[in-house]
């Protein structure tokens, strides 16, 4: 049973463990989405969002876990660069003059 004196505080403490934080779940959800999409742009955006969430989780929830933050910051830079390149290619594709017959 639940001890009335400590039960609610133990439950709250377990709910606030680093692995139970919403940033952790949101990051993992973004990574899960990346497994099921076929569009490369959506995949890179999902990975970028997941890396942002994990980097913030490392800073805020884990009290500045430098390794977690730095690895995810590097992965964020890689994925956001790919997103920018894909968007640039899409923009160039739609703005380039089409050859006339």
PDB file of N, CA and C in Angstrom:
ATOM      1  N   UNK A   1       0.801  -1.176   0.000  1.00  0.00           N
ATOM      2  CA  UNK A   1       0.000   0.000   0.000  1.00  0.00           C
ATOM      3  C   UNK A   1       0.853   1.252   0.000  1.00  0.00           C
ATOM      4  N   UNK A   2       0.183   2.353  -0.066  1.00  0.00           N
ATOM      5  CA  UNK A   2       0.865   3.647  -0.073  1.00  0.00           C
ATOM      6  C   UNK A   2       0.916   4.189   1.342  1.00  0.00           C
ATOM      7  N   UNK A   3       2.103   4.485   1.793  1.00  0.00           N
ATOM      8  CA  UNK A   3       2.293   5.106   3.092  1.00  0.00           C
ATOM      9  C   UNK A   3       1.801   6.545   2.986  1.00  0.00           C
ATOM     10  N   UNK A   4       0.845   6.924   3.834  1.00  0.00           N
ATOM     11  CA  UNK A   4       0.234   8.244   3.739  1.00  0.00           C
ATOM     12  C   UNK A   4       1.247   9.357   3.981  1.00  0.00           C
ATOM     13  N   UNK A   5       2.266   9.088   4.796  1.00  0.00           N
ATOM     14  CA  UNK A   5       3.226  10.137   5.124  1.00  0.00           C
ATOM     15  C   UNK A   5       4.205  10.386   3.971  1.00  0.00           C
ATOM     16  N   UNK A   6       4.663   9.324   3.299  1.00  0.00           N
ATOM     17  CA  UNK A   6       5.670   9.480   2.260  1.00  0.00           C
ATOM     18  C   UNK A   6       5.179   9.084   0.873  1.00  0.00           C
ATOM     19  N   UNK A   7       4.031   8.463   0.776  1.00  0.00           N
ATOM     20  CA  UNK A   7       3.566   7.901  -0.487  1.00  0.00           C
ATOM     21  C   UNK A   7       3.474   8.891  -1.625  1.00  0.00           C
ATOM     22  N   UNK A   8       2.814  10.012  -1.395  1.00  0.00           N
ATOM     23  CA  UNK A   8       2.611  10.978  -2.478  1.00  0.00           C
ATOM     24  C   UNK A   8       3.933  11.605  -2.892  1.00  0.00           C
ATOM     25  N   UNK A   9       4.833  11.835  -1.947  1.00  0.00           N
ATOM     26  CA  UNK A   9       6.127  12.425  -2.287  1.00  0.00           C
ATOM     27  C   UNK A   9       7.018  11.443  -3.033  1.00  0.00           C
ATOM     28  N   UNK A  10       6.955  10.179  -2.675  1.00  0.00           N
ATOM     29  CA  UNK A  10       7.706   9.156  -3.412  1.00  0.00           C
ATOM     30  C   UNK A  10       7.190   9.039  -4.840  1.00  0.00           C
ATOM     31  N   UNK A  11       5.869   9.090  -4.980  1.00  0.00           N
ATOM     32  CA  UNK A  11       5.269   9.010  -6.305  1.00  0.00           C
ATOM     33  C   UNK A  11       5.678  10.209  -7.154  1.00  0.00           C
ATOM     34  N   UNK A  12       5.613  11.394  -6.600  1.00  0.00           N
ATOM     35  CA  UNK A  12       6.024  12.598  -7.331  1.00  0.00           C
ATOM     36  C   UNK A  12       7.501  12.551  -7.695  1.00  0.00           C
ATOM     37  N   UNK A  13       8.321  12.071  -6.782  1.00  0.00           N
ATOM     38  CA  UNK A  13       9.749  11.981  -7.057  1.00  0.00           C
ATOM     39  C   UNK A  13      10.019  11.006  -8.205  1.00  0.00           C
ATOM     40  N   UNK A  14       9.311   9.886  -8.234  1.00  0.00           N
ATOM     41  CA  UNK A  14       9.479   8.921  -9.327  1.00  0.00           C
ATOM     42  C   UNK A  14       8.984   9.494 -10.646  1.00  0.00           C
ATOM     43  N   UNK A  15       7.933  10.304 -10.595  1.00  0.00           N
ATOM     44  CA  UNK A  15       7.400  10.910 -11.813  1.00  0.00           C
ATOM     45  C   UNK A  15       8.359  11.951 -12.384  1.00  0.00           C
ATOM     46  N   UNK A  16       9.186  12.535 -11.560  1.00  0.00           N
ATOM     47  CA  UNK A  16      10.078  13.593 -12.005  1.00  0.00           C
ATOM     48  C   UNK A  16      11.500  13.114 -12.267  1.00  0.00           C
ATOM     49  N   UNK A  17      11.698  11.804 -12.327  1.00  0.00           N
ATOM     50  CA  UNK A  17      13.007  11.282 -12.678  1.00  0.00           C
ATOM     51  C   UNK A  17      13.356  11.735 -14.094  1.00  0.00           C
ATOM     52  N   UNK A  18      14.643  11.869 -14.411  1.00  0.00           N
ATOM     53  CA  UNK A  18      15.032  12.366 -15.735  1.00  0.00           C
ATOM     54  C   UNK A  18      14.431  11.584 -16.900  1.00  0.00           C
ATOM     55  N   UNK A  19      14.306  10.276 -16.769  1.00  0.00           N
ATOM     56  CA  UNK A  19      13.754   9.482 -17.867  1.00  0.00           C
ATOM     57  C   UNK A  19      12.240   9.621 -17.978  1.00  0.00           C
ATOM     58  N   UNK A  20      11.593  10.252 -17.026  1.00  0.00           N
ATOM     59  CA  UNK A  20      10.153  10.462 -17.084  1.00  0.00           C
ATOM     60  C   UNK A  20       9.794  11.890 -17.475  1.00  0.00           C
ATOM     61  N   UNK A  21      10.768  12.655 -17.899  1.00  0.00           N
ATOM     62  CA  UNK A  21      10.514  14.050 -18.267  1.00  0.00           C
ATOM     63  C   UNK A  21       9.907  14.122 -19.664  1.00  0.00           C
ATOM     64  N   UNK A  22       9.059  15.112 -19.912  1.00  0.00           N
ATOM     65  CA  UNK A  22       8.364  15.219 -21.193  1.00  0.00           C
ATOM     66  C   UNK A  22       9.328  15.462 -22.359  1.00  0.00           C
ATOM     67  N   UNK A  23      10.466  16.133 -22.111  1.00  0.00           N
ATOM     68  CA  UNK A  23      11.445  16.329 -23.184  1.00  0.00           C
ATOM     69  C   UNK A  23      12.032  14.993 -23.651  1.00  0.00           C
ATOM     70  N   UNK A  24      12.258  14.103 -22.721  1.00  0.00           N
ATOM     71  CA  UNK A  24      12.773  12.767 -23.039  1.00  0.00           C
ATOM     72  C   UNK A  24      11.779  12.012 -23.918  1.00  0.00           C
ATOM     73  N   UNK A  25      10.490  12.056 -23.534  1.00  0.00           N
ATOM     74  CA  UNK A  25       9.467  11.365 -24.307  1.00  0.00           C
ATOM     75  C   UNK A  25       9.259  12.011 -25.675  1.00  0.00           C
ATOM     76  N   UNK A  26       9.300  13.330 -25.729  1.00  0.00           N
ATOM     77  CA  UNK A  26       9.123  14.021 -27.005  1.00  0.00           C
ATOM     78  C   UNK A  26      10.272  13.708 -27.954  1.00  0.00           C
ATOM     79  N   UNK A  27      11.488  13.671 -27.438  1.00  0.00           N
ATOM     80  CA  UNK A  27      12.643  13.324 -28.271  1.00  0.00           C
ATOM     81  C   UNK A  27      12.499  11.909 -28.814  1.00  0.00           C
ATOM     82  N   UNK A  28      12.140  10.978 -27.976  1.00  0.00           N
ATOM     83  CA  UNK A  28      11.976   9.598 -28.428  1.00  0.00           C
ATOM     84  C   UNK A  28      10.822   9.452 -29.409  1.00  0.00           C
ATOM     85  N   UNK A  29       9.762  10.237 -29.224  1.00  0.00           N
ATOM     86  CA  UNK A  29       8.653  10.213 -30.177  1.00  0.00           C
ATOM     87  C   UNK A  29       9.117  10.717 -31.542  1.00  0.00           C
ATOM     88  N   UNK A  30       9.918  11.779 -31.552  1.00  0.00           N
ATOM     89  CA  UNK A  30      10.448  12.296 -32.821  1.00  0.00           C
ATOM     90  C   UNK A  30      11.310  11.253 -33.518  1.00  0.00           C
ATOM     91  N   UNK A  31      12.127  10.547 -32.757  1.00  0.00           N
ATOM     92  CA  UNK A  31      12.949   9.495 -33.343  1.00  0.00           C
ATOM     93  C   UNK A  31      12.088   8.339 -33.850  1.00  0.00           C
ATOM     94  N   UNK A  32      11.021   8.034 -33.134  1.00  0.00           N
ATOM     95  CA  UNK A  32      10.102   6.988 -33.579  1.00  0.00           C
ATOM     96  C   UNK A  32       9.446   7.381 -34.897  1.00  0.00           C
ATOM     97  N   UNK A  33       9.028   8.625 -35.012  1.00  0.00           N
ATOM     98  CA  UNK A  33       8.419   9.112 -36.254  1.00  0.00           C
ATOM     99  C   UNK A  33       9.401   8.954 -37.414  1.00  0.00           C
ATOM    100  N   UNK A  34      10.679   9.226 -37.154  1.00  0.00           N
ATOM    101  CA  UNK A  34      11.672   9.155 -38.229  1.00  0.00           C
ATOM    102  C   UNK A  34      11.807   7.745 -38.803  1.00  0.00           C
ATOM    103  N   UNK A  35      11.462   6.741 -38.042  1.00  0.00           N
ATOM    104  CA  UNK A  35      11.526   5.371 -38.548  1.00  0.00           C
ATOM    105  C   UNK A  35      10.388   5.038 -39.518  1.00  0.00           C
ATOM    106  N   UNK A  36       9.287   5.762 -39.427  1.00  0.00           N
ATOM    107  CA  UNK A  36       8.102   5.405 -40.187  1.00  0.00           C
ATOM    108  C   UNK A  36       7.800   6.313 -41.370  1.00  0.00           C
ATOM    109  N   UNK A  37       8.565   7.374 -41.559  1.00  0.00           N
ATOM    110  CA  UNK A  37       8.301   8.283 -42.676  1.00  0.00           C
ATOM    111  C   UNK A  37       9.140   7.881 -43.879  1.00  0.00           C
ATOM    112  N   UNK A  38       8.617   8.138 -45.048  1.00  0.00           N
ATOM    113  CA  UNK A  38       9.369   7.833 -46.265  1.00  0.00           C
ATOM    114  C   UNK A  38       9.938   9.088 -46.912  1.00  0.00           C
ATOM    115  N   UNK A  39       9.449  10.249 -46.505  1.00  0.00           N
ATOM    116  CA  UNK A  39       9.937  11.516 -47.034  1.00  0.00           C
ATOM    117  C   UNK A  39      11.210  11.908 -46.295  1.00  0.00           C
ATOM    118  N   UNK A  40      12.295  12.117 -47.032  1.00  0.00           N
ATOM    119  CA  UNK A  40      13.589  12.408 -46.410  1.00  0.00           C
ATOM    120  C   UNK A  40      13.576  13.741 -45.666  1.00  0.00           C
ATOM    121  N   UNK A  41      12.809  14.719 -46.152  1.00  0.00           N
ATOM    122  CA  UNK A  41      12.734  16.010 -45.460  1.00  0.00           C
ATOM    123  C   UNK A  41      12.058  15.854 -44.106  1.00  0.00           C
ATOM    124  N   UNK A  42      10.959  15.120 -44.058  1.00  0.00           N
ATOM    125  CA  UNK A  42      10.247  14.887 -42.797  1.00  0.00           C
ATOM    126  C   UNK A  42      11.130  14.093 -41.836  1.00  0.00           C
ATOM    127  N   UNK A  43      11.872  13.119 -42.376  1.00  0.00           N
ATOM    128  CA  UNK A  43      12.783  12.337 -41.552  1.00  0.00           C
ATOM    129  C   UNK A  43      13.831  13.241 -40.903  1.00  0.00           C
ATOM    130  N   UNK A  44      14.451  14.113 -41.693  1.00  0.00           N
ATOM    131  CA  UNK A  44      15.485  15.003 -41.153  1.00  0.00           C
ATOM    132  C   UNK A  44      14.904  16.007 -40.156  1.00  0.00           C
ATOM    133  N   UNK A  45      13.700  16.484 -40.406  1.00  0.00           N
ATOM    134  CA  UNK A  45      13.060  17.410 -39.463  1.00  0.00           C
ATOM    135  C   UNK A  45      12.758  16.696 -38.146  1.00  0.00           C
ATOM    136  N   UNK A  46      12.268  15.465 -38.228  1.00  0.00           N
ATOM    137  CA  UNK A  46      11.980  14.691 -37.010  1.00  0.00           C
ATOM    138  C   UNK A  46      13.264  14.452 -36.216  1.00  0.00           C
ATOM    139  N   UNK A  47      14.348  14.104 -36.907  1.00  0.00           N
ATOM    140  CA  UNK A  47      15.627  13.897 -36.223  1.00  0.00           C
ATOM    141  C   UNK A  47      16.139  15.192 -35.603  1.00  0.00           C
ATOM    142  N   UNK A  48      15.984  16.295 -36.324  1.00  0.00           N
ATOM    143  CA  UNK A  48      16.420  17.593 -35.796  1.00  0.00           C
ATOM    144  C   UNK A  48      15.653  17.959 -34.533  1.00  0.00           C
ATOM    145  N   UNK A  49      14.334  17.774 -34.562  1.00  0.00           N
ATOM    146  CA  UNK A  49      13.519  18.074 -33.375  1.00  0.00           C
ATOM    147  C   UNK A  49      13.880  17.161 -32.208  1.00  0.00           C
ATOM    148  N   UNK A  50      14.119  15.888 -32.509  1.00  0.00           N
ATOM    149  CA  UNK A  50      14.529  14.949 -31.467  1.00  0.00           C
ATOM    150  C   UNK A  50      15.856  15.349 -30.839  1.00  0.00           C
ATOM    151  N   UNK A  51      16.798  15.792 -31.667  1.00  0.00           N
ATOM    152  CA  UNK A  51      18.090  16.224 -31.141  1.00  0.00           C
ATOM    153  C   UNK A  51      17.978  17.489 -30.311  1.00  0.00           C
ATOM    154  N   UNK A  52      17.107  18.408 -30.713  1.00  0.00           N
ATOM    155  CA  UNK A  52      16.877  19.614 -29.913  1.00  0.00           C
ATOM    156  C   UNK A  52      16.334  19.224 -28.538  1.00  0.00           C
ATOM    157  N   UNK A  53      15.345  18.329 -28.530  1.00  0.00           N
ATOM    158  CA  UNK A  53      14.742  17.903 -27.264  1.00  0.00           C
ATOM    159  C   UNK A  53      15.757  17.205 -26.365  1.00  0.00           C
ATOM    160  N   UNK A  54      16.579  16.321 -26.944  1.00  0.00           N
ATOM    161  CA  UNK A  54      17.583  15.632 -26.130  1.00  0.00           C
ATOM    162  C   UNK A  54      18.660  16.592 -25.634  1.00  0.00           C
ATOM    163  N   UNK A  55      19.044  17.563 -26.455  1.00  0.00           N
ATOM    164  CA  UNK A  55      20.041  18.545 -26.012  1.00  0.00           C
ATOM    165  C   UNK A  55      19.490  19.377 -24.853  1.00  0.00           C
ATOM    166  N   UNK A  56      18.245  19.821 -24.975  1.00  0.00           N
ATOM    167  CA  UNK A  56      17.615  20.573 -23.879  1.00  0.00           C
ATOM    168  C   UNK A  56      17.451  19.709 -22.643  1.00  0.00           C
ATOM    169  N   UNK A  57      17.102  18.453 -22.854  1.00  0.00           N
ATOM    170  CA  UNK A  57      16.968  17.514 -21.732  1.00  0.00           C
ATOM    171  C   UNK A  57      18.295  17.383 -21.006  1.00  0.00           C
ATOM    172  N   UNK A  58      19.379  17.285 -21.756  1.00  0.00           N
ATOM    173  CA  UNK A  58      20.706  17.191 -21.137  1.00  0.00           C
ATOM    174  C   UNK A  58      21.080  18.436 -20.366  1.00  0.00           C
ATOM    175  N   UNK A  59      20.668  19.604 -20.858  1.00  0.00           N
ATOM    176  CA  UNK A  59      20.990  20.851 -20.161  1.00  0.00           C
ATOM    177  C   UNK A  59      20.092  21.096 -18.950  1.00  0.00           C
ATOM    178  N   UNK A  60      18.797  20.977 -19.166  1.00  0.00           N
ATOM    179  CA  UNK A  60      17.836  21.380 -18.131  1.00  0.00           C
ATOM    180  C   UNK A  60      17.583  20.283 -17.112  1.00  0.00           C
ATOM    181  N   UNK A  61      17.255  19.095 -17.585  1.00  0.00           N
ATOM    182  CA  UNK A  61      16.816  18.028 -16.688  1.00  0.00           C
ATOM    183  C   UNK A  61      17.994  17.326 -16.031  1.00  0.00           C
ATOM    184  N   UNK A  62      19.040  17.076 -16.797  1.00  0.00           N
ATOM    185  CA  UNK A  62      20.206  16.379 -16.242  1.00  0.00           C
ATOM    186  C   UNK A  62      21.219  17.330 -15.616  1.00  0.00           C
ATOM    187  N   UNK A  63      20.815  18.563 -15.409  1.00  0.00           N
ATOM    188  CA  UNK A  63      21.680  19.577 -14.775  1.00  0.00           C
ATOM    189  C   UNK A  63      23.016  19.718 -15.503  1.00  0.00           C
ATOM    190  N   UNK A  64      22.918  20.092 -16.751  1.00  0.00           N
ATOM    191  CA  UNK A  64      24.057  20.340 -17.632  1.00  0.00           C
ATOM    192  C   UNK A  64      24.927  19.097 -17.787  1.00  0.00           C
ATOM    193  N   UNK A  65      24.354  18.088 -18.394  1.00  0.00           N
ATOM    194  CA  UNK A  65      25.107  16.898 -18.784  1.00  0.00           C
ATOM    195  C   UNK A  65      25.796  17.236 -20.109  1.00  0.00           C
ATOM    196  N   UNK A  66      27.064  17.586 -20.022  1.00  0.00           N
ATOM    197  CA  UNK A  66      27.781  18.124 -21.165  1.00  0.00           C
ATOM    198  C   UNK A  66      27.869  17.132 -22.319  1.00  0.00           C
ATOM    199  N   UNK A  67      28.088  15.862 -22.025  1.00  0.00           N
ATOM    200  CA  UNK A  67      28.205  14.893 -23.113  1.00  0.00           C
ATOM    201  C   UNK A  67      26.879  14.716 -23.849  1.00  0.00           C
ATOM    202  N   UNK A  68      25.771  14.640 -23.114  1.00  0.00           N
ATOM    203  CA  UNK A  68      24.459  14.513 -23.752  1.00  0.00           C
ATOM    204  C   UNK A  68      24.167  15.733 -24.605  1.00  0.00           C
ATOM    205  N   UNK A  69      24.451  16.907 -24.064  1.00  0.00           N
ATOM    206  CA  UNK A  69      24.198  18.138 -24.812  1.00  0.00           C
ATOM    207  C   UNK A  69      25.065  18.224 -26.060  1.00  0.00           C
ATOM    208  N   UNK A  70      26.365  17.978 -25.924  1.00  0.00           N
ATOM    209  CA  UNK A  70      27.271  18.149 -27.061  1.00  0.00           C
ATOM    210  C   UNK A  70      26.997  17.156 -28.188  1.00  0.00           C
ATOM    211  N   UNK A  71      26.777  15.890 -27.857  1.00  0.00           N
ATOM    212  CA  UNK A  71      26.481  14.913 -28.902  1.00  0.00           C
ATOM    213  C   UNK A  71      25.216  15.297 -29.662  1.00  0.00           C
ATOM    214  N   UNK A  72      24.191  15.675 -28.942  1.00  0.00           N
ATOM    215  CA  UNK A  72      22.936  16.018 -29.612  1.00  0.00           C
ATOM    216  C   UNK A  72      23.020  17.358 -30.332  1.00  0.00           C
ATOM    217  N   UNK A  73      23.863  18.258 -29.846  1.00  0.00           N
ATOM    218  CA  UNK A  73      24.088  19.514 -30.565  1.00  0.00           C
ATOM    219  C   UNK A  73      24.796  19.243 -31.895  1.00  0.00           C
ATOM    220  N   UNK A  74      25.756  18.328 -31.900  1.00  0.00           N
ATOM    221  CA  UNK A  74      26.443  17.956 -33.143  1.00  0.00           C
ATOM    222  C   UNK A  74      25.460  17.306 -34.111  1.00  0.00           C
ATOM    223  N   UNK A  75      24.653  16.370 -33.614  1.00  0.00           N
ATOM    224  CA  UNK A  75      23.666  15.718 -34.479  1.00  0.00           C
ATOM    225  C   UNK A  75      22.624  16.719 -34.976  1.00  0.00           C
ATOM    226  N   UNK A  76      22.265  17.689 -34.129  1.00  0.00           N
ATOM    227  CA  UNK A  76      21.345  18.748 -34.549  1.00  0.00           C
ATOM    228  C   UNK A  76      21.938  19.541 -35.706  1.00  0.00           C
ATOM    229  N   UNK A  77      23.209  19.908 -35.595  1.00  0.00           N
ATOM    230  CA  UNK A  77      23.850  20.672 -36.666  1.00  0.00           C
ATOM    231  C   UNK A  77      23.895  19.883 -37.969  1.00  0.00           C
ATOM    232  N   UNK A  78      24.212  18.605 -37.872  1.00  0.00           N
ATOM    233  CA  UNK A  78      24.264  17.760 -39.067  1.00  0.00           C
ATOM    234  C   UNK A  78      22.881  17.668 -39.716  1.00  0.00           C
ATOM    235  N   UNK A  79      21.862  17.365 -38.923  1.00  0.00           N
ATOM    236  CA  UNK A  79      20.516  17.198 -39.482  1.00  0.00           C
ATOM    237  C   UNK A  79      19.923  18.510 -39.958  1.00  0.00           C
ATOM    238  N   UNK A  80      20.141  19.592 -39.236  1.00  0.00           N
ATOM    239  CA  UNK A  80      19.600  20.884 -39.675  1.00  0.00           C
ATOM    240  C   UNK A  80      20.294  21.356 -40.951  1.00  0.00           C
ATOM    241  N   UNK A  81      21.571  21.015 -41.119  1.00  0.00           N
ATOM    242  CA  UNK A  81      22.259  21.324 -42.373  1.00  0.00           C
ATOM    243  C   UNK A  81      21.631  20.550 -43.523  1.00  0.00           C
ATOM    244  N   UNK A  82      21.320  19.280 -43.295  1.00  0.00           N
ATOM    245  CA  UNK A  82      20.645  18.481 -44.328  1.00  0.00           C
ATOM    246  C   UNK A  82      19.262  19.045 -44.642  1.00  0.00           C
ATOM    247  N   UNK A  83      18.537  19.500 -43.629  1.00  0.00           N
ATOM    248  CA  UNK A  83      17.226  20.114 -43.860  1.00  0.00           C
ATOM    249  C   UNK A  83      17.378  21.358 -44.731  1.00  0.00           C
ATOM    250  N   UNK A  84      18.368  22.194 -44.416  1.00  0.00           N
ATOM    251  CA  UNK A  84      18.586  23.412 -45.198  1.00  0.00           C
ATOM    252  C   UNK A  84      18.947  23.086 -46.647  1.00  0.00           C
ATOM    253  N   UNK A  85      19.784  22.079 -46.853  1.00  0.00           N
ATOM    254  CA  UNK A  85      20.168  21.687 -48.214  1.00  0.00           C
ATOM    255  C   UNK A  85      18.969  21.167 -48.992  1.00  0.00           C
ATOM    256  N   UNK A  86      18.155  20.337 -48.355  1.00  0.00           N
ATOM    257  CA  UNK A  86      16.968  19.799 -49.029  1.00  0.00           C
ATOM    258  C   UNK A  86      16.001  20.923 -49.381  1.00  0.00           C
ATOM    259  N   UNK A  87      15.783  21.851 -48.448  1.00  0.00           N
ATOM    260  CA  UNK A  87      14.878  22.976 -48.722  1.00  0.00           C
ATOM    261  C   UNK A  87      15.430  23.869 -49.829  1.00  0.00           C
ATOM    262  N   UNK A  88      16.735  24.069 -49.856  1.00  0.00           N
ATOM    263  CA  UNK A  88      17.353  24.862 -50.908  1.00  0.00           C
ATOM    264  C   UNK A  88      17.168  24.194 -52.267  1.00  0.00           C
ATOM    265  N   UNK A  89      17.349  22.893 -52.317  1.00  0.00           N
ATOM    266  CA  UNK A  89      17.144  22.164 -53.577  1.00  0.00           C
ATOM    267  C   UNK A  89      15.693  22.249 -54.032  1.00  0.00           C
ATOM    268  N   UNK A  90      14.764  22.168 -53.098  1.00  0.00           N
ATOM    269  CA  UNK A  90      13.340  22.280 -53.446  1.00  0.00           C
ATOM    270  C   UNK A  90      13.045  23.677 -53.982  1.00  0.00           C
ATOM    271  N   UNK A  91      13.573  24.688 -53.307  1.00  0.00           N
ATOM    272  CA  UNK A  91      13.354  26.070 -53.767  1.00  0.00           C
ATOM    273  C   UNK A  91      13.951  26.294 -55.142  1.00  0.00           C
ATOM    274  N   UNK A  92      15.146  25.791 -55.364  1.00  0.00           N
ATOM    275  CA  UNK A  92      15.787  25.941 -56.669  1.00  0.00           C
ATOM    276  C   UNK A  92      15.024  25.195 -57.755  1.00  0.00           C
ATOM    277  N   UNK A  93      14.460  24.062 -57.405  1.00  0.00           N
ATOM    278  CA  UNK A  93      13.696  23.281 -58.365  1.00  0.00           C
ATOM    279  C   UNK A  93      12.458  24.042 -58.822  1.00  0.00           C
ATOM    280  N   UNK A  94      11.765  24.709 -57.892  1.00  0.00           N
ATOM    281  CA  UNK A  94      10.539  25.417 -58.227  1.00  0.00           C
ATOM    282  C   UNK A  94      10.789  26.809 -58.795  1.00  0.00           C
ATOM    283  N   UNK A  95      11.954  27.374 -58.573  1.00  0.00           N
ATOM    284  CA  UNK A  95      12.214  28.724 -59.072  1.00  0.00           C
ATOM    285  C   UNK A  95      13.046  28.739 -60.336  1.00  0.00           C
ATOM    286  N   UNK A  96      13.650  27.612 -60.702  1.00  0.00           N
ATOM    287  CA  UNK A  96      14.460  27.589 -61.923  1.00  0.00           C
ATOM    288  C   UNK A  96      13.546  27.621 -63.147  1.00  0.00           C
ATOM    289  N   UNK A  97      13.984  28.330 -64.187  1.00  0.00           N
ATOM    290  CA  UNK A  97      13.153  28.378 -65.389  1.00  0.00           C
ATOM    291  C   UNK A  97      13.095  27.011 -66.052  1.00  0.00           C
ATOM    292  N   UNK A  98      11.920  26.641 -66.471  1.00  0.00           N
ATOM    293  CA  UNK A  98      11.760  25.338 -67.133  1.00  0.00           C
ATOM    294  C   UNK A  98      12.070  25.490 -68.617  1.00  0.00           C
ATOM    295  N   UNK A  99      12.677  24.477 -69.197  1.00  0.00           N
ATOM    296  CA  UNK A  99      12.974  24.545 -70.634  1.00  0.00           C
ATOM    297  C   UNK A  99      11.689  24.511 -71.452  1.00  0.00           C
ATOM    298  N   UNK A 100      11.638  25.385 -72.448  1.00  0.00           N
ATOM    299  CA  UNK A 100      10.426  25.459 -73.295  1.00  0.00           C
ATOM    300  C   UNK A 100      10.613  24.597 -74.524  1.00  0.00           C
ATOM    301  N   UNK A 101       9.531  23.982 -74.917  1.00  0.00           N
ATOM    302  CA  UNK A 101       9.582  23.109 -76.107  1.00  0.00           C
ATOM    303  C   UNK A 101       9.512  23.898 -77.377  1.00  0.00           C
TER     304      UNK A 101
END
